[in-house]
Protein backbone atom coordinates (compact mmCIF):
# COMPACT_ATOMS: atom_id res chain seq x y z
CA MET A 1 -14.48 0.74 -3.35
CA SER A 2 -12.62 3.30 -5.43
CA TYR A 3 -12.08 3.64 -9.14
CA SER A 4 -8.85 4.83 -10.69
CA CYS A 5 -8.67 5.12 -14.46
CA ASP A 6 -5.33 4.00 -15.85
CA PRO A 7 -4.38 5.59 -19.16
CA GLN A 8 -1.09 3.69 -19.00
CA ARG A 9 -2.92 0.41 -19.46
CA ARG A 10 -3.33 1.10 -23.16
CA ARG A 11 0.41 1.68 -23.47
CA ILE A 12 1.12 -1.59 -21.61
CA VAL A 13 -1.11 -3.46 -24.03
CA ALA A 14 0.67 -1.75 -26.92
CA ALA A 15 4.03 -2.75 -25.46
CA ALA A 16 2.88 -6.36 -25.18
CA GLY A 17 1.93 -6.22 -28.82
CA LEU A 18 5.40 -4.96 -29.72
CA ALA A 19 6.96 -7.98 -28.05
CA LEU A 20 5.17 -10.23 -30.54
CA MET A 21 6.32 -8.28 -33.60
CA PRO A 22 9.14 -9.37 -35.89
CA THR A 23 12.44 -7.71 -34.98
CA PHE A 24 12.65 -5.62 -38.16
CA LEU A 25 9.26 -4.01 -37.29
CA MET A 26 9.87 -3.53 -33.60
CA THR A 27 12.24 -0.58 -33.76
CA ALA A 28 10.01 1.48 -36.01
CA SER A 29 6.91 0.63 -33.95
CA ALA A 30 8.63 1.47 -30.69
CA LYS A 31 9.70 4.83 -32.07
CA ALA A 32 6.14 5.53 -33.19
CA ALA A 33 4.77 4.60 -29.76
CA SER A 34 7.36 6.83 -28.08
CA SER A 35 6.54 9.82 -30.28
CA ALA A 36 2.82 9.24 -29.67
CA THR A 37 3.30 9.99 -25.97
CA ASN A 38 4.34 13.52 -26.94
CA ALA A 39 1.63 13.93 -29.58
CA PHE A 40 -1.38 16.22 -29.48
CA ARG A 41 -4.96 16.11 -30.62
CA THR A 42 -7.77 18.63 -30.73
CA VAL A 43 -11.01 18.51 -28.78
CA LYS A 44 -14.05 20.76 -28.74
CA ASP A 45 -14.89 21.79 -25.19
CA MET A 46 -18.19 22.61 -23.52
CA HIS A 47 -18.02 26.23 -24.70
CA GLY A 48 -17.43 25.09 -28.28
CA ARG A 49 -13.77 26.11 -28.16
CA THR A 50 -11.30 24.01 -30.14
CA VAL A 51 -8.37 23.15 -27.88
CA LYS A 52 -5.12 21.32 -28.67
CA VAL A 53 -4.33 18.87 -25.84
CA PRO A 54 -1.63 16.24 -25.22
CA ILE A 55 -2.67 12.68 -25.96
CA GLU A 56 -1.10 11.66 -22.66
CA VAL A 57 -1.99 13.83 -19.65
CA LYS A 58 0.29 13.17 -16.69
CA ARG A 59 -0.51 16.27 -14.61
CA PHE A 60 -3.59 18.47 -14.45
CA VAL A 61 -5.46 20.98 -12.31
CA CYS A 62 -9.11 22.00 -12.15
CA THR A 63 -10.66 25.44 -11.71
CA GLY A 64 -14.22 26.63 -11.38
CA SER A 65 -17.63 25.17 -10.79
CA GLY A 66 -17.93 21.39 -11.14
CA ALA A 67 -14.62 20.72 -12.89
CA LEU A 68 -12.91 18.84 -10.07
CA ARG A 69 -16.10 16.85 -9.44
CA VAL A 70 -15.93 15.57 -13.01
CA ALA A 71 -12.26 14.57 -12.64
CA SER A 72 -12.94 13.05 -9.23
CA TYR A 73 -15.82 10.93 -10.50
CA LEU A 74 -13.51 9.71 -13.27
CA GLY A 75 -10.99 8.44 -10.73
CA ALA A 76 -8.14 10.57 -12.07
CA LEU A 77 -7.04 12.23 -8.83
CA ASP A 78 -3.65 10.52 -8.78
CA ARG A 79 -2.61 13.05 -11.47
CA LEU A 80 -4.14 16.12 -9.82
CA VAL A 81 -1.34 18.48 -8.76
CA GLY A 82 -3.15 21.53 -7.31
CA ILE A 83 -6.36 22.47 -5.52
CA GLU A 84 -8.68 25.47 -5.13
CA SER A 85 -8.90 26.65 -1.54
CA SER A 86 -12.72 26.42 -1.58
CA ASP A 87 -12.38 22.63 -1.92
CA LEU A 88 -10.47 22.41 1.37
CA ARG A 89 -13.40 23.39 3.62
CA TYR A 90 -15.20 20.05 3.63
CA LYS A 91 -13.30 17.85 6.06
CA ASN A 92 -16.41 17.51 8.21
CA ASP A 93 -19.02 18.76 5.77
CA PRO A 94 -20.51 16.37 3.17
CA LYS A 95 -22.35 19.04 1.17
CA ARG A 96 -19.67 19.01 -1.57
CA ASP A 97 -19.49 15.27 -2.10
CA TYR A 98 -16.11 14.83 -3.81
CA ALA A 99 -14.36 17.35 -1.52
CA PHE A 100 -15.62 15.50 1.56
CA ALA A 101 -14.67 12.11 0.12
CA HIS A 102 -11.14 13.13 -0.85
CA HIS A 103 -10.22 15.74 1.75
CA ASP A 104 -7.19 13.78 2.95
CA ARG A 105 -5.78 13.80 -0.58
CA PHE A 106 -6.66 17.42 -1.30
CA LYS A 107 -5.22 18.90 1.90
CA SER A 108 -1.65 18.12 0.86
CA LEU A 109 -1.89 19.81 -2.56
CA PRO A 110 -0.67 23.34 -3.37
CA VAL A 111 -3.42 25.97 -3.68
CA ILE A 112 -3.99 27.33 -7.21
CA GLY A 113 -6.72 29.91 -6.45
CA LYS A 114 -9.72 30.45 -4.24
CA GLY A 115 -12.44 28.93 -6.46
CA GLY A 116 -16.11 29.50 -5.85
CA GLY A 117 -17.94 29.86 -9.16
CA THR A 118 -17.69 30.38 -12.90
CA GLY A 119 -15.74 33.66 -12.67
CA TYR A 120 -11.96 33.99 -12.79
CA THR A 121 -10.42 33.15 -9.39
CA ALA A 122 -7.21 31.38 -10.42
CA ASN A 123 -3.65 32.19 -9.40
CA PRO A 124 -1.85 31.74 -12.74
CA GLU A 125 1.62 31.92 -11.19
CA ALA A 126 0.77 29.09 -8.82
CA ILE A 127 -0.61 27.02 -11.68
CA LEU A 128 2.45 27.60 -13.85
CA SER A 129 4.76 26.52 -11.02
CA LEU A 130 3.06 23.09 -11.01
CA GLU A 131 3.53 22.55 -14.75
CA PRO A 132 0.21 20.83 -15.50
CA ASP A 133 -0.33 19.44 -18.99
CA VAL A 134 -3.94 20.69 -19.08
CA ILE A 135 -6.44 22.67 -17.03
CA LEU A 136 -10.02 21.46 -16.75
CA THR A 137 -12.33 24.34 -15.92
CA GLY A 138 -15.89 25.17 -14.97
CA TYR A 139 -15.31 28.84 -15.77
CA ALA A 140 -17.49 30.89 -18.08
CA ALA A 141 -16.10 31.19 -21.61
CA GLU A 142 -14.44 34.58 -21.12
CA ALA A 143 -12.72 33.48 -17.91
CA ALA A 144 -11.54 30.25 -19.57
CA GLU A 145 -9.99 32.30 -22.37
CA GLN A 146 -8.27 34.57 -19.85
CA LEU A 147 -6.79 31.58 -18.04
CA ALA A 148 -5.51 30.15 -21.33
CA ARG A 149 -3.88 33.47 -22.24
CA GLU A 150 -2.23 33.93 -18.86
CA THR A 151 -0.84 30.39 -18.59
CA ASP A 152 -0.38 29.25 -22.20
CA ILE A 153 -1.63 25.86 -21.02
CA PRO A 154 -4.52 24.04 -22.74
CA VAL A 155 -7.73 25.02 -20.91
CA ILE A 156 -10.71 22.72 -21.52
CA SER A 157 -14.18 23.69 -20.36
CA VAL A 158 -16.10 20.88 -18.68
CA TYR A 159 -18.83 23.24 -17.48
CA TYR A 160 -22.26 21.66 -17.06
CA LEU A 161 -25.67 23.10 -16.19
CA SER A 162 -27.27 22.74 -12.75
CA GLN A 163 -30.70 21.92 -14.12
CA GLY A 164 -32.86 18.83 -13.91
CA LEU A 165 -31.89 15.59 -12.22
CA VAL A 166 -28.74 15.20 -14.33
CA ASN A 167 -28.44 17.68 -17.16
CA ASP A 168 -27.34 16.26 -20.51
CA SER A 169 -24.43 18.69 -20.41
CA PHE A 170 -22.94 16.70 -17.51
CA LEU A 171 -22.96 13.52 -19.60
CA LYS A 172 -21.13 15.38 -22.37
CA ALA A 173 -18.69 16.96 -19.92
CA VAL A 174 -17.74 13.67 -18.28
CA GLN A 175 -17.19 12.03 -21.68
CA LEU A 176 -15.06 14.98 -22.81
CA ALA A 177 -12.96 14.85 -19.64
CA GLY A 178 -12.71 11.08 -20.01
CA THR A 179 -11.23 11.55 -23.47
CA VAL A 180 -8.77 14.21 -22.30
CA LEU A 181 -7.63 12.23 -19.25
CA GLY A 182 -7.65 8.79 -20.88
CA CYS A 183 -10.57 7.59 -18.76
CA GLU A 184 -12.99 6.67 -21.53
CA GLU A 185 -14.08 3.38 -19.94
CA ARG A 186 -14.88 5.01 -16.63
CA ALA A 187 -16.73 7.83 -18.40
CA LYS A 188 -18.88 5.26 -20.19
CA ALA A 189 -19.54 3.47 -16.89
CA ILE A 190 -20.74 6.76 -15.37
CA VAL A 191 -23.07 7.49 -18.27
CA ASP A 192 -24.42 3.92 -18.16
CA PHE A 193 -25.00 4.11 -14.40
CA ILE A 194 -26.93 7.36 -14.69
CA GLU A 195 -29.03 6.11 -17.59
CA ASN A 196 -29.87 2.90 -15.70
CA VAL A 197 -31.01 4.90 -12.67
CA GLN A 198 -33.12 7.16 -14.87
CA ALA A 199 -34.68 4.10 -16.49
CA ASP A 200 -35.51 2.75 -13.01
CA PHE A 201 -37.32 5.98 -12.14
CA GLN A 202 -39.23 5.86 -15.43
CA ARG A 203 -40.33 2.30 -14.72
CA ARG A 204 -41.53 3.19 -11.23
CA VAL A 205 -43.44 6.24 -12.53
CA GLN A 206 -45.12 4.13 -15.20
CA ASN A 207 -46.16 1.59 -12.57
CA ARG A 208 -47.75 4.32 -10.48
CA GLY A 209 -51.00 4.23 -12.42
CA GLY A 210 -53.45 6.87 -11.19
CA ASP A 211 -51.53 7.62 -7.98
CA THR A 212 -50.63 11.31 -8.37
CA GLY A 213 -49.20 11.60 -4.87
CA PRO A 214 -49.38 14.61 -2.54
CA THR A 215 -48.67 18.18 -3.55
CA VAL A 216 -45.21 19.25 -2.48
CA TYR A 217 -43.06 22.37 -2.04
CA PRO A 218 -39.23 22.28 -2.17
CA GLY A 219 -38.12 25.23 -0.04
CA ALA A 220 -35.01 26.82 1.45
CA VAL A 221 -32.99 25.38 -1.41
CA THR A 222 -29.31 26.04 -2.03
CA PHE A 223 -28.35 27.66 -5.33
CA SER A 224 -25.37 29.98 -5.59
CA GLY A 225 -25.61 30.27 -1.83
CA ALA A 226 -28.13 29.70 0.95
CA HIS A 227 -31.76 30.83 0.83
CA GLY A 228 -34.73 31.08 3.12
CA PHE A 229 -38.12 29.40 2.83
CA ALA A 230 -39.03 31.26 -0.39
CA GLY A 231 -35.99 29.91 -2.26
CA THR A 232 -37.33 27.19 -4.54
CA TYR A 233 -36.95 25.46 -7.90
CA SER A 234 -39.12 25.04 -10.93
CA ARG A 235 -38.59 21.52 -12.26
CA PHE A 236 -36.73 20.50 -9.11
CA GLY A 237 -34.74 17.53 -10.38
CA PRO A 238 -35.49 14.83 -7.78
CA LEU A 239 -39.20 15.69 -7.93
CA ALA A 240 -39.56 16.26 -11.67
CA VAL A 241 -38.16 12.82 -12.53
CA LEU A 242 -40.92 11.29 -10.40
CA GLY A 243 -43.69 13.35 -11.96
CA ALA A 244 -44.40 14.79 -8.50
CA ARG A 245 -46.94 17.60 -8.12
CA SER A 246 -44.62 20.41 -7.09
CA ILE A 247 -46.36 23.76 -6.59
CA SER A 248 -43.11 25.47 -7.62
CA ASP A 249 -43.20 24.21 -11.21
CA ARG A 250 -43.76 27.04 -13.67
CA PRO A 251 -44.08 26.81 -17.46
CA ASP A 252 -42.02 29.96 -17.98
CA ARG A 253 -38.86 28.92 -16.11
CA GLU A 254 -36.59 26.10 -15.01
CA GLY A 255 -34.30 26.26 -12.02
CA PHE A 256 -33.99 28.49 -8.98
CA TYR A 257 -36.21 31.46 -8.14
CA GLU A 258 -37.67 33.25 -5.12
CA THR A 259 -41.37 32.59 -4.83
CA ASP A 260 -44.10 34.64 -3.18
CA LEU A 261 -44.92 33.38 0.32
CA GLU A 262 -48.59 34.14 -0.21
CA PHE A 263 -48.55 31.88 -3.25
CA VAL A 264 -47.27 29.02 -1.10
CA LEU A 265 -50.04 29.65 1.44
CA GLN A 266 -52.64 29.79 -1.31
CA GLN A 267 -51.48 26.48 -2.79
CA ASP A 268 -51.02 25.04 0.72
CA PRO A 269 -48.97 21.95 -0.22
CA ASP A 270 -49.49 18.62 1.51
CA LEU A 271 -45.77 18.20 2.11
CA VAL A 272 -42.66 20.38 2.35
CA PHE A 273 -39.02 19.48 1.74
CA LEU A 274 -36.39 21.77 3.29
CA ASP A 275 -32.63 21.85 2.83
CA PRO A 276 -31.20 21.10 6.31
CA GLY A 277 -28.23 23.34 5.55
CA ASN A 278 -30.56 26.35 5.52
CA LEU A 279 -32.79 25.57 8.51
CA SER A 280 -31.18 28.31 10.60
CA ILE A 281 -32.32 30.88 8.03
CA VAL A 282 -35.87 29.52 8.11
CA ALA A 283 -35.84 29.51 11.92
CA GLU A 284 -34.89 33.19 11.88
CA GLU A 285 -37.72 33.92 9.43
CA ALA A 286 -40.15 32.09 11.71
CA LYS A 287 -39.53 34.61 14.48
CA SER A 288 -41.43 37.27 12.53
CA LYS A 289 -43.73 34.96 10.52
CA ARG A 290 -44.74 32.43 13.12
CA ASP A 291 -48.46 32.59 12.35
CA TYR A 292 -47.81 32.25 8.63
CA PHE A 293 -45.71 29.09 8.92
CA ALA A 294 -47.94 27.58 11.60
CA SER A 295 -50.95 27.91 9.29
CA LEU A 296 -49.45 25.77 6.51
CA LYS A 297 -51.10 22.37 6.10
CA ALA A 298 -47.79 20.54 5.93
CA VAL A 299 -46.70 22.07 9.22
CA LYS A 300 -49.99 21.31 10.96
CA THR A 301 -49.98 17.69 9.78
CA GLY A 302 -46.30 17.10 10.50
CA ASN A 303 -45.28 16.57 6.89
CA VAL A 304 -42.09 18.62 6.80
CA TYR A 305 -39.00 16.71 5.68
CA ALA A 306 -35.29 17.42 5.51
CA MET A 307 -33.59 16.59 2.22
CA PRO A 308 -29.98 17.76 1.75
CA SER A 309 -29.06 20.01 -1.14
CA TYR A 310 -27.84 18.45 -4.36
CA ASN A 311 -26.28 21.70 -5.57
CA GLN A 312 -22.90 22.70 -4.18
CA TYR A 313 -20.37 24.10 -6.68
CA SER A 314 -22.68 22.81 -9.43
CA THR A 315 -24.80 19.67 -9.18
CA ASN A 316 -23.70 16.87 -6.88
CA ILE A 317 -24.78 14.13 -9.27
CA ALA A 318 -24.55 11.48 -6.55
CA TYR A 319 -26.88 13.41 -4.24
CA SER A 320 -29.26 14.31 -7.05
CA LEU A 321 -29.87 10.65 -7.85
CA ALA A 322 -30.03 9.65 -4.18
CA ASN A 323 -32.49 12.46 -3.39
CA ALA A 324 -34.87 11.24 -6.09
CA TYR A 325 -34.98 7.84 -4.42
CA TYR A 326 -35.58 9.49 -1.06
CA ALA A 327 -38.37 11.66 -2.43
CA GLY A 328 -39.88 8.56 -4.00
CA THR A 329 -39.98 6.72 -0.68
CA VAL A 330 -41.80 9.69 0.88
CA LEU A 331 -44.19 10.63 -1.93
CA PHE A 332 -44.85 7.22 -3.47
CA PRO A 333 -44.13 4.63 -0.76
CA LYS A 334 -45.88 1.81 -2.62
CA GLN A 335 -43.78 2.22 -5.76
CA PHE A 336 -40.56 2.53 -3.71
CA ALA A 337 -41.37 -0.08 -1.06
CA ASP A 338 -38.40 -2.21 -2.12
CA VAL A 339 -35.91 0.62 -1.64
CA ASP A 340 -33.72 0.55 1.47
CA PHE A 341 -32.79 4.21 1.22
CA ALA A 342 -29.70 4.10 3.42
CA ALA A 343 -28.30 1.23 1.36
CA ARG A 344 -29.26 2.89 -1.93
CA PHE A 345 -27.65 6.18 -0.86
CA ASN A 346 -24.40 4.39 -0.04
CA GLU A 347 -24.47 2.42 -3.29
CA ILE A 348 -24.84 5.58 -5.39
CA VAL A 349 -22.38 7.71 -3.44
CA THR A 350 -19.82 4.90 -3.41
CA PHE A 351 -20.06 4.50 -7.17
CA PHE A 352 -19.19 8.16 -7.71
CA ASN A 353 -16.91 8.86 -4.74
CA GLY A 354 -15.36 5.56 -3.69
CA ARG A 355 -17.19 5.30 -0.37
CA GLY A 356 -20.57 6.02 1.19
CA TRP A 357 -21.40 7.90 4.39
CA TYR A 358 -25.13 7.75 5.01
CA ASP A 359 -24.56 6.91 8.68
CA ARG A 360 -22.70 10.22 9.12
CA MET A 361 -25.09 12.56 7.31
CA ALA A 362 -27.31 13.43 10.28
CA ALA A 363 -24.39 13.96 12.66
CA LEU A 364 -22.81 16.30 10.11
CA GLY A 365 -25.94 18.43 9.83
CA GLN A 366 -27.35 16.90 6.64
CA PRO A 367 -30.14 14.56 7.75
CA TYR A 368 -32.88 12.94 5.72
CA GLY A 369 -36.23 12.51 7.43
CA LYS A 370 -39.25 14.11 9.03
CA ILE A 371 -38.45 17.20 11.09
CA ALA A 372 -40.24 19.79 13.24
CA PHE A 373 -40.57 23.08 11.42
CA PRO A 374 -37.58 25.20 12.53
CA GLY A 375 -38.34 28.05 14.91
CA LEU A 376 -41.90 26.97 15.83
């Protein structure tokens, strides 16, 4: 199942309305409708910049962290005319959900820059040659301004924060992009879907009663690159939404940080989640810290689990939601007893990306499930 927003539908409806008008009104109305297709409006982007954009966007490109994910989720890829080279690396790698889902479409597009973050990596000459009506960007404000100066094309920031399960900034970004691309209905459907999932988690947490669940450590997480065992998150989204007892939660921070290994040993969590994409790093660490890792309670009791990263070029919203369900089945099996995780994963990923691929995750190096601690 795929979703493609159709901004032309509103013009078809308008044209049908014209057919019912008296003849003396039709000519004037048709002229107004024609001029509207070349009209502009202003929007305020995610950096607070006021940008003048065409009412009808027929061609666009995306640059920077998360921008193409937003457009992809909206189903607007039929109007995408260029691609960052970093989005072409995921033919057999599901870590960047939209790039894996749409590789066959992306591989035929001209490259407009290397991509890779919020800094300036665009090739303005390549972008200009494609004549896009707008550029959606995940760049920092200064880089977005530079791109606008060098191309003289409307540049709209759809940057969103990689914090929490789904940061509110993503909801605003997808609605903004929906307005720019004429995909308002799809944007609303995305917001509604996310809010319904969040409400489901809240209901399950409320039904938990006095069950606090095991203590847990999310380690070897991915954030702006790969990290070893000490790489962790305070308020790790899929755990925080469940009210899980994560030893990494700190009142003075939210998001990624490197923790002290002795702190982990002192807290000695009941259960450990590891990003399977970083297991080779942990295995290398285990060569010199074998006794340390072997002494952890979770390792001794066999409670080490793989859970794929939900951050890859900003938050993979689909994986973030799916991971919370997976964590729920592990930490609170009674409250999530009705969840068939493989089916739920595919339902969520299909909603955002047009198809699911749970049955391929393990073979592609991104398994969910209990694992032996790497290197021991």
